[in-house]
Amino acid sequence: MRIKPFKGIRPPKDLVEQVSSRPYDVLSSQEARQEAAGNEKSLYHIIKPEINFPEGTDEHDERVYPSAVEHFKMFREKGWLVQDDKEKYYVYAQSSKLTGTEKTQYGLVVGAWVEDYMEGRIKKHELTRRDKEEDRMKHVRINNANIEPVFFAYPHRDDLDAIIAKVTAGEPEYDFVAAPEGFRHTFWVIDDQQTIDRITSIVAEIPAMYIADGHHRSAAAALVGNEKKMQNPHHTGDEEYNYFLAVCFPDNQLNIIDYNRVVKDLNGLSEEEFLKALEEDFIVSRYETANDFSKVRPKGLHNFSLYLGGKWYSLTAKEGRYDDQDPIGVLDVTISSNLILDKILGIKDLRSDKRIDFVGGIRGLGALKERVDSGEMKMALALYPVTMQQIINIADSGNIMPPKTTWFEPKLRSGLVIHSLED
């Protein structure tokens, strides 16, 4: 893999909490408007620029993209964003208690090479939609910068871990807990040339990176870089547009949490008939509690938790109902889609069927119970999280994950550092 250091554009220490934001795609325009209320320094004015216009303005309105540019320029003029004087790498750590105890993951912030994406060495596991790619491409083009990073995973290496451990033993540039999630974000600057060169040479030995989160941003950033290459008759390969902003984490540090399903009806079946139909492919047993979520969550791969009629059930797929040799067939999203959603409930297309909705595990099993108890949904299905190795196996085989499979948490904080496409 080819990476390079870059002259990051970032907030002064005392402004980082005011400037930084959640990613553009994890909240609505209304939520961004509320979070940015009274804060002219919020990055939402650049990444969700529809909030600079009256409420109800469409995020794709022709005025929106130029407003992002105006605010990006203003942030730099006012000193809310300042460019480093030399090319650097950065380390970005995220700490959370998603697993009950505090866990920290350490990412290396780099310029990722466009050609590695175009030639498939930066590997994806999800389909992208052209309209979403084009939206982000417009944002990158008009700002001439990667305002937000993408999230990569790489096969962990002890030598790189050792360098990062040495860096993070020093004083951080930023260290704060962000609302509303409550995750801690810590950021270090690497400006020692010997360390920079060593990192570059180690990463050159890594055969592939894997997109963990940000497939549309990755595609948009790489495609704009490739556009600029094709449009430049004097292209040399050394231009800054040949690289885009990425945070790369070792695969053994990442949190992947469950991505669950709620369904509006039982396809004409009674609760008893539905449970009976499940017994053909699953070992079904009832939990004694409906409120102790630690006891009713899935226990491992191929075990599911069903909430129906005020009760929790354990469903364990019977042997022979899935193919452990098939990287797609072995996934619990595939097993549940084939044997429950399609076979029994008649839900064949997860992307378009209005009878099903999806709930990120960050909201907890309580959110599933609430949606069923309220009468909005008839049943909920909790899945065991996919593993990073499953994602790597699928990406390496050239396959694509089924929809709504992975949920990485914490999300990257935007605005800690920005990458300019100008030299």
Protein backbone atom coordinates (compact mmCIF):
# COMPACT_ATOMS: atom_id res chain seq x y z
CA MET A 1 0.00 0.00 0.00
CA ARG A 2 1.21 3.49 -0.84
CA ILE A 3 0.58 6.32 1.59
CA LYS A 4 2.03 9.75 2.21
CA PRO A 5 2.07 12.40 4.94
CA PHE A 6 0.25 15.66 4.19
CA LYS A 7 -0.10 19.25 5.42
CA GLY A 8 -3.23 18.85 7.49
CA ILE A 9 -5.76 21.66 7.84
CA ARG A 10 -7.08 21.54 11.38
CA PRO A 11 -8.47 23.57 14.29
CA PRO A 12 -6.34 25.18 17.01
CA LYS A 13 -6.39 23.21 20.26
CA ASP A 14 -8.83 25.54 21.98
CA LEU A 15 -11.37 25.33 19.15
CA VAL A 16 -11.37 21.62 18.30
CA GLU A 17 -14.50 20.81 20.30
CA GLN A 18 -16.43 23.66 18.68
CA VAL A 19 -15.28 22.82 15.15
CA SER A 20 -15.40 19.02 15.09
CA SER A 21 -18.62 17.17 14.32
CA ARG A 22 -20.21 13.83 13.69
CA PRO A 23 -19.98 12.53 10.07
CA TYR A 24 -22.38 14.06 7.56
CA ASP A 25 -24.24 10.80 6.95
CA VAL A 26 -25.14 9.78 10.50
CA LEU A 27 -27.63 12.56 11.19
CA SER A 28 -30.40 14.42 9.43
CA SER A 29 -30.33 18.04 8.33
CA GLN A 30 -32.61 18.87 11.26
CA GLU A 31 -30.32 17.14 13.76
CA ALA A 32 -27.29 18.96 12.30
CA ARG A 33 -29.17 22.26 12.57
CA GLN A 34 -29.89 21.58 16.24
CA GLU A 35 -26.33 20.50 17.07
CA ALA A 36 -24.86 23.54 15.32
CA ALA A 37 -27.31 26.00 16.89
CA GLY A 38 -25.44 28.99 18.30
CA ASN A 39 -22.07 27.68 17.05
CA GLU A 40 -20.80 29.46 13.96
CA LYS A 41 -17.59 27.39 14.14
CA SER A 42 -19.33 24.03 13.70
CA LEU A 43 -18.08 21.94 10.77
CA TYR A 44 -21.74 21.24 9.94
CA HIS A 45 -21.72 24.61 8.14
CA ILE A 46 -19.32 22.96 5.65
CA ILE A 47 -20.39 19.30 5.57
CA LYS A 48 -24.16 19.90 6.01
CA PRO A 49 -24.33 23.34 4.34
CA GLU A 50 -28.09 23.18 3.86
CA ILE A 51 -28.27 24.35 7.50
CA ASN A 52 -26.97 27.75 6.30
CA PHE A 53 -30.36 28.26 4.60
CA PRO A 54 -33.94 28.37 5.87
CA GLU A 55 -35.32 25.19 7.40
CA GLY A 56 -36.60 22.83 4.74
CA THR A 57 -33.92 23.71 2.16
CA ASP A 58 -33.02 20.55 0.22
CA GLU A 59 -29.50 19.27 0.86
CA HIS A 60 -28.96 19.10 -2.92
CA ASP A 61 -30.19 22.64 -3.63
CA GLU A 62 -27.85 24.36 -6.13
CA ARG A 63 -26.96 27.00 -3.52
CA VAL A 64 -25.79 24.46 -0.95
CA TYR A 65 -22.44 23.35 -2.39
CA PRO A 66 -21.10 26.93 -2.96
CA SER A 67 -22.10 27.70 0.64
CA ALA A 68 -19.80 24.89 1.80
CA VAL A 69 -16.92 26.54 -0.10
CA GLU A 70 -17.69 29.97 1.36
CA HIS A 71 -17.68 28.60 4.88
CA PHE A 72 -14.51 26.55 4.33
CA LYS A 73 -12.78 29.72 3.12
CA MET A 74 -14.17 31.74 6.03
CA PHE A 75 -13.04 29.14 8.60
CA ARG A 76 -9.49 29.43 7.25
CA GLU A 77 -9.54 33.22 7.08
CA LYS A 78 -10.75 33.47 10.69
CA GLY A 79 -8.16 30.98 11.93
CA TRP A 80 -10.70 28.34 12.91
CA LEU A 81 -8.88 25.97 10.56
CA VAL A 82 -5.11 26.33 10.06
CA GLN A 83 -2.84 24.39 7.71
CA ASP A 84 0.29 22.71 9.08
CA ASP A 85 3.56 24.04 7.69
CA LYS A 86 4.98 20.64 6.72
CA GLU A 87 3.76 17.18 5.73
CA LYS A 88 2.90 15.01 8.72
CA TYR A 89 1.17 11.82 9.74
CA TYR A 90 -1.27 11.85 12.65
CA VAL A 91 -2.58 9.29 15.15
CA TYR A 92 -6.25 9.38 16.07
CA ALA A 93 -7.49 7.33 19.04
CA GLN A 94 -11.10 6.64 19.98
CA SER A 95 -12.07 5.36 23.40
CA SER A 96 -15.46 3.92 24.31
CA LYS A 97 -17.18 1.56 26.72
CA LEU A 98 -19.29 -0.23 24.12
CA THR A 99 -18.12 -3.60 25.41
CA GLY A 100 -18.63 -2.69 29.07
CA THR A 101 -15.01 -1.80 29.76
CA GLU A 102 -13.11 1.06 28.16
CA LYS A 103 -11.45 0.10 24.89
CA THR A 104 -9.26 2.29 22.71
CA GLN A 105 -8.51 1.90 19.00
CA TYR A 106 -5.58 3.72 17.40
CA GLY A 107 -5.77 4.87 13.80
CA LEU A 108 -3.02 6.23 11.56
CA VAL A 109 -4.18 9.31 9.59
CA VAL A 110 -2.66 9.30 6.10
CA GLY A 111 -3.00 10.31 2.51
CA ALA A 112 -4.20 7.09 0.80
CA TRP A 113 -3.21 6.56 -2.84
CA VAL A 114 -6.00 6.88 -5.41
CA GLU A 115 -4.45 4.15 -7.59
CA ASP A 116 -4.70 1.65 -4.74
CA TYR A 117 -8.46 2.21 -4.77
CA MET A 118 -8.80 2.19 -8.55
CA GLU A 119 -6.81 -1.05 -8.85
CA GLY A 120 -8.59 -2.86 -6.01
CA ARG A 121 -5.92 -2.91 -3.32
CA ILE A 122 -8.24 -0.80 -1.17
CA LYS A 123 -11.04 -3.34 -0.92
CA LYS A 124 -14.75 -2.81 -0.41
CA HIS A 125 -17.48 -5.08 0.94
CA GLU A 126 -20.58 -2.97 0.17
CA LEU A 127 -22.31 -1.76 -2.97
CA THR A 128 -22.31 1.99 -3.57
CA ARG A 129 -25.05 4.08 -5.18
CA ARG A 130 -24.05 6.43 -7.97
CA ASP A 131 -26.28 9.27 -6.73
CA LYS A 132 -24.62 9.18 -3.30
CA GLU A 133 -21.16 9.00 -4.90
CA GLU A 134 -21.94 12.02 -7.07
CA ASP A 135 -23.17 14.04 -4.08
CA ARG A 136 -19.86 13.51 -2.26
CA MET A 137 -17.88 14.02 -5.49
CA LYS A 138 -19.47 17.46 -5.86
CA HIS A 139 -18.47 18.25 -2.28
CA VAL A 140 -14.85 17.17 -2.84
CA ARG A 141 -14.59 18.92 -6.23
CA ILE A 142 -15.98 22.26 -5.17
CA ASN A 143 -13.96 22.43 -1.91
CA ASN A 144 -10.86 20.94 -3.56
CA ALA A 145 -10.37 19.03 -0.32
CA ASN A 146 -11.31 15.87 1.54
CA ILE A 147 -13.17 17.52 4.41
CA GLU A 148 -14.08 14.19 6.05
CA PRO A 149 -11.95 11.06 6.43
CA VAL A 150 -12.72 7.49 5.42
CA PHE A 151 -12.29 4.55 7.78
CA PHE A 152 -9.91 1.73 6.76
CA ALA A 153 -8.78 -1.47 8.47
CA TYR A 154 -5.51 -3.26 7.82
CA PRO A 155 -3.99 -6.58 8.95
CA HIS A 156 -2.29 -5.57 12.20
CA ARG A 157 1.48 -5.40 12.39
CA ASP A 158 3.57 -5.42 15.55
CA ASP A 159 6.15 -2.99 14.12
CA LEU A 160 3.49 -0.39 13.31
CA ASP A 161 1.82 -0.95 16.70
CA ALA A 162 5.17 -0.24 18.38
CA ILE A 163 5.61 3.06 16.55
CA ILE A 164 2.07 4.17 17.38
CA ALA A 165 2.55 3.19 21.03
CA LYS A 166 5.67 5.36 21.19
CA VAL A 167 3.87 8.31 19.60
CA THR A 168 0.84 8.03 21.87
CA ALA A 169 3.02 7.92 24.98
CA GLY A 170 3.64 11.61 24.32
CA GLU A 171 1.42 14.63 24.88
CA PRO A 172 -1.65 14.65 22.58
CA GLU A 173 -2.59 17.61 20.41
CA TYR A 174 -6.31 17.10 21.14
CA ASP A 175 -8.02 15.19 23.92
CA PHE A 176 -11.75 15.62 24.53
CA VAL A 177 -15.02 13.78 25.08
CA ALA A 178 -17.59 14.61 22.41
CA ALA A 179 -21.30 15.05 22.90
CA PRO A 180 -23.77 13.53 22.39
CA GLU A 181 -22.14 10.07 22.18
CA GLY A 182 -19.69 10.47 25.05
CA PHE A 183 -16.74 8.93 23.20
CA ARG A 184 -13.23 10.19 23.90
CA HIS A 185 -11.18 11.45 20.93
CA THR A 186 -7.41 11.87 21.22
CA PHE A 187 -5.08 13.07 18.46
CA TRP A 188 -1.29 13.21 18.10
CA VAL A 189 0.92 14.82 15.43
CA ILE A 190 3.89 12.92 13.94
CA ASP A 191 6.42 15.40 12.55
CA ASP A 192 9.67 13.46 13.04
CA GLN A 193 10.94 12.68 9.54
CA GLN A 194 12.60 9.40 10.51
CA THR A 195 9.35 8.14 12.02
CA ILE A 196 7.39 9.35 8.99
CA ASP A 197 9.72 7.50 6.60
CA ARG A 198 9.55 4.33 8.68
CA ILE A 199 5.74 4.36 8.69
CA THR A 200 5.66 4.85 4.92
CA SER A 201 7.99 1.89 4.37
CA ILE A 202 6.10 -0.44 6.73
CA VAL A 203 2.72 0.33 5.14
CA ALA A 204 4.28 -0.31 1.70
CA GLU A 205 4.58 -3.95 2.79
CA ILE A 206 0.86 -4.28 3.59
CA PRO A 207 -0.87 -5.93 0.59
CA ALA A 208 -4.37 -4.48 1.10
CA MET A 209 -6.53 -2.10 3.11
CA TYR A 210 -10.23 -2.72 3.76
CA ILE A 211 -12.94 -0.06 3.80
CA ALA A 212 -14.62 -0.43 7.17
CA ASP A 213 -16.92 2.59 6.96
CA GLY A 214 -17.34 5.25 4.29
CA HIS A 215 -17.74 3.38 1.00
CA HIS A 216 -19.34 6.38 -0.74
CA ARG A 217 -16.74 8.80 0.60
CA SER A 218 -13.94 6.45 -0.51
CA ALA A 219 -15.37 6.13 -4.01
CA ALA A 220 -15.99 9.88 -4.30
CA ALA A 221 -12.51 10.85 -3.10
CA ALA A 222 -10.76 8.37 -5.39
CA LEU A 223 -12.91 9.22 -8.43
CA VAL A 224 -12.29 12.96 -8.05
CA GLY A 225 -8.57 12.31 -7.73
CA ASN A 226 -8.69 10.21 -10.89
CA GLU A 227 -10.68 12.94 -12.68
CA LYS A 228 -8.01 15.49 -11.85
CA LYS A 229 -5.33 13.16 -13.16
CA MET A 230 -7.17 12.75 -16.48
CA GLN A 231 -7.75 16.51 -16.79
CA ASN A 232 -4.13 17.49 -16.13
CA PRO A 233 -1.94 17.30 -19.28
CA HIS A 234 1.15 17.80 -17.09
CA HIS A 235 0.26 15.10 -14.56
CA THR A 236 3.33 13.66 -12.84
CA GLY A 237 1.83 11.43 -10.14
CA ASP A 238 3.22 13.54 -7.33
CA GLU A 239 0.27 15.93 -7.09
CA GLU A 240 -1.70 16.06 -3.86
CA TYR A 241 -4.92 15.06 -5.66
CA ASN A 242 -3.42 11.58 -6.10
CA TYR A 243 -4.16 11.00 -2.40
CA PHE A 244 -7.21 11.20 -0.14
CA LEU A 245 -7.85 11.39 3.58
CA ALA A 246 -8.03 8.07 5.46
CA VAL A 247 -7.75 6.83 9.03
CA CYS A 248 -6.31 3.31 9.11
CA PHE A 249 -6.91 1.04 12.11
CA PRO A 250 -5.41 -2.40 12.82
CA ASP A 251 -8.06 -5.06 12.30
CA ASN A 252 -7.66 -6.52 15.82
CA GLN A 253 -8.72 -3.29 17.56
CA LEU A 254 -12.04 -2.54 15.87
CA ASN A 255 -15.55 -2.69 17.31
CA ILE A 256 -18.23 -4.12 15.04
CA ILE A 257 -21.61 -4.16 16.68
CA ASP A 258 -24.89 -5.79 15.76
CA TYR A 259 -27.25 -4.48 13.08
CA ASN A 260 -30.75 -5.69 13.91
CA ARG A 261 -34.12 -6.03 12.19
CA VAL A 262 -37.71 -5.11 13.05
CA VAL A 263 -40.68 -6.32 10.99
CA LYS A 264 -44.21 -4.91 10.80
CA ASP A 265 -46.21 -8.16 10.42
CA LEU A 266 -45.97 -11.96 10.38
CA ASN A 267 -47.13 -12.38 6.77
CA GLY A 268 -50.60 -13.55 7.81
CA LEU A 269 -49.38 -16.03 10.45
CA SER A 270 -50.36 -16.08 14.10
CA GLU A 271 -47.56 -15.90 16.67
CA GLU A 272 -47.93 -19.65 17.32
CA GLU A 273 -47.81 -20.48 13.61
CA PHE A 274 -44.73 -18.30 13.13
CA LEU A 275 -42.88 -19.96 16.03
CA LYS A 276 -43.84 -23.40 14.66
CA ALA A 277 -42.52 -22.46 11.20
CA LEU A 278 -39.21 -21.42 12.75
CA GLU A 279 -38.71 -24.90 14.23
CA GLU A 280 -38.03 -26.38 10.80
CA ASP A 281 -34.67 -24.60 10.60
CA PHE A 282 -33.95 -23.44 14.17
CA ILE A 283 -33.79 -24.77 17.70
CA VAL A 284 -36.29 -22.48 19.42
CA SER A 285 -36.38 -21.85 23.18
CA ARG A 286 -37.94 -19.12 25.31
CA TYR A 287 -36.01 -16.89 27.70
CA GLU A 288 -37.50 -16.41 31.17
CA THR A 289 -36.91 -12.65 31.20
CA ALA A 290 -38.01 -9.87 28.88
CA ASN A 291 -36.11 -7.02 30.51
CA ASP A 292 -32.60 -8.30 31.34
CA PHE A 293 -30.99 -7.64 27.98
CA SER A 294 -27.62 -9.06 29.05
CA LYS A 295 -29.29 -12.49 29.24
CA VAL A 296 -31.26 -12.39 26.00
CA ARG A 297 -28.69 -11.10 23.51
CA PRO A 298 -27.33 -13.57 20.90
CA LYS A 299 -24.64 -15.84 22.35
CA GLY A 300 -22.55 -16.38 19.21
CA LEU A 301 -22.62 -16.84 15.46
CA HIS A 302 -25.79 -18.52 14.14
CA ASN A 303 -27.70 -17.71 17.35
CA PHE A 304 -30.45 -15.09 17.10
CA SER A 305 -32.73 -13.38 19.63
CA LEU A 306 -36.38 -12.94 18.68
CA TYR A 307 -38.73 -10.54 20.47
CA LEU A 308 -42.39 -11.34 19.87
CA GLY A 309 -45.55 -10.87 21.92
CA GLY A 310 -43.72 -9.51 24.95
CA LYS A 311 -41.33 -12.47 25.09
CA TRP A 312 -37.71 -13.12 24.04
CA TYR A 313 -36.74 -16.34 22.26
CA SER A 314 -33.41 -17.92 21.37
CA LEU A 315 -33.13 -19.21 17.79
CA THR A 316 -30.12 -21.39 16.90
CA ALA A 317 -29.76 -22.36 13.25
CA LYS A 318 -29.65 -26.14 12.78
CA GLU A 319 -26.60 -27.70 11.15
CA GLY A 320 -26.95 -28.14 7.42
CA ARG A 321 -29.05 -24.99 7.05
CA TYR A 322 -26.02 -22.85 6.06
CA ASP A 323 -22.68 -23.29 4.30
CA ASP A 324 -19.62 -22.58 6.46
CA GLN A 325 -17.43 -22.74 3.34
CA ASP A 326 -19.32 -19.90 1.62
CA PRO A 327 -18.17 -16.45 2.88
CA ILE A 328 -21.64 -15.03 2.18
CA GLY A 329 -23.72 -18.09 3.10
CA VAL A 330 -22.13 -18.36 6.54
CA LEU A 331 -23.20 -14.84 7.56
CA ASP A 332 -26.04 -14.54 10.05
CA VAL A 333 -27.61 -11.82 7.92
CA THR A 334 -27.79 -14.35 5.08
CA ILE A 335 -29.15 -17.12 7.31
CA SER A 336 -31.83 -14.87 8.80
CA SER A 337 -32.71 -13.37 5.42
CA ASN A 338 -33.07 -16.75 3.73
CA LEU A 339 -34.71 -18.82 6.48
CA ILE A 340 -36.84 -16.22 8.29
CA LEU A 341 -37.39 -13.01 6.35
CA ASP A 342 -37.80 -14.59 2.91
CA LYS A 343 -38.94 -18.16 3.58
CA ILE A 344 -41.50 -17.40 6.29
CA LEU A 345 -42.25 -13.68 6.07
CA GLY A 346 -41.96 -13.15 2.31
CA ILE A 347 -39.47 -10.28 2.56
CA LYS A 348 -37.19 -10.72 -0.44
CA ASP A 349 -35.49 -7.35 -0.92
CA LEU A 350 -34.04 -5.77 2.20
CA ARG A 351 -33.29 -2.53 0.34
CA SER A 352 -36.83 -1.79 -0.80
CA ASP A 353 -39.39 -3.74 1.28
CA LYS A 354 -41.33 -1.29 3.48
CA ARG A 355 -42.30 -4.01 5.98
CA ILE A 356 -38.80 -4.14 7.45
CA ASP A 357 -36.58 -1.61 9.19
CA PHE A 358 -33.09 -1.75 10.68
CA VAL A 359 -31.76 -0.70 14.08
CA GLY A 360 -28.07 -0.22 14.84
CA GLY A 361 -26.85 -2.09 17.89
CA ILE A 362 -25.61 1.16 19.40
CA ARG A 363 -29.26 1.73 20.41
CA GLY A 364 -29.36 -1.52 22.39
CA LEU A 365 -31.94 -4.31 22.55
CA GLY A 366 -34.23 -1.96 24.45
CA ALA A 367 -34.84 -0.06 21.22
CA LEU A 368 -36.08 -3.26 19.58
CA LYS A 369 -38.40 -4.03 22.47
CA GLU A 370 -39.81 -0.50 22.44
CA ARG A 371 -40.68 -0.60 18.77
CA VAL A 372 -42.54 -3.88 19.19
CA ASP A 373 -44.24 -2.95 22.48
CA SER A 374 -45.44 0.32 20.94
CA GLY A 375 -47.32 -1.61 18.26
CA GLU A 376 -45.29 -0.03 15.46
CA MET A 377 -43.61 -3.37 14.74
CA LYS A 378 -44.74 -6.96 15.27
CA MET A 379 -41.38 -8.63 15.89
CA ALA A 380 -37.69 -7.88 16.31
CA LEU A 381 -34.66 -9.98 15.45
CA ALA A 382 -31.27 -9.37 17.08
CA LEU A 383 -28.16 -10.71 15.35
CA TYR A 384 -24.65 -11.49 16.57
CA PRO A 385 -22.15 -9.01 15.08
CA VAL A 386 -20.12 -10.03 12.04
CA THR A 387 -16.40 -10.36 12.61
CA MET A 388 -13.62 -8.38 10.97
CA GLN A 389 -12.28 -11.65 9.55
CA GLN A 390 -15.62 -12.32 7.85
CA ILE A 391 -15.45 -8.87 6.24
CA ILE A 392 -11.87 -9.51 5.07
CA ASN A 393 -12.84 -12.92 3.65
CA ILE A 394 -15.70 -11.40 1.69
CA ALA A 395 -13.64 -8.47 0.39
CA ASP A 396 -10.77 -10.79 -0.59
CA SER A 397 -13.15 -13.07 -2.48
CA GLY A 398 -14.59 -10.13 -4.41
CA ASN A 399 -18.03 -10.62 -2.88
CA ILE A 400 -20.36 -7.97 -1.46
CA MET A 401 -22.00 -8.05 1.97
CA PRO A 402 -25.81 -8.20 2.09
CA PRO A 403 -27.48 -4.86 2.96
CA LYS A 404 -27.40 -3.59 6.55
CA THR A 405 -24.73 -5.98 7.77
CA THR A 406 -21.99 -3.98 9.49
CA TRP A 407 -22.10 -1.20 12.05
CA PHE A 408 -18.74 0.15 13.16
CA GLU A 409 -18.65 2.22 16.32
CA PRO A 410 -17.34 4.71 17.33
CA LYS A 411 -17.72 6.71 14.11
CA LEU A 412 -14.82 8.91 13.04
CA ARG A 413 -15.06 12.50 14.25
CA SER A 414 -14.95 14.95 11.34
CA GLY A 415 -12.94 18.17 11.49
CA LEU A 416 -9.91 16.95 13.42
CA VAL A 417 -7.89 17.21 10.22
CA ILE A 418 -8.69 18.02 6.56
CA HIS A 419 -6.70 17.12 3.45
CA SER A 420 -6.31 19.71 0.67
CA LEU A 421 -6.06 18.48 -2.93
CA GLU A 422 -3.91 21.48 -3.79
CA ASP A 423 -0.12 21.10 -3.68
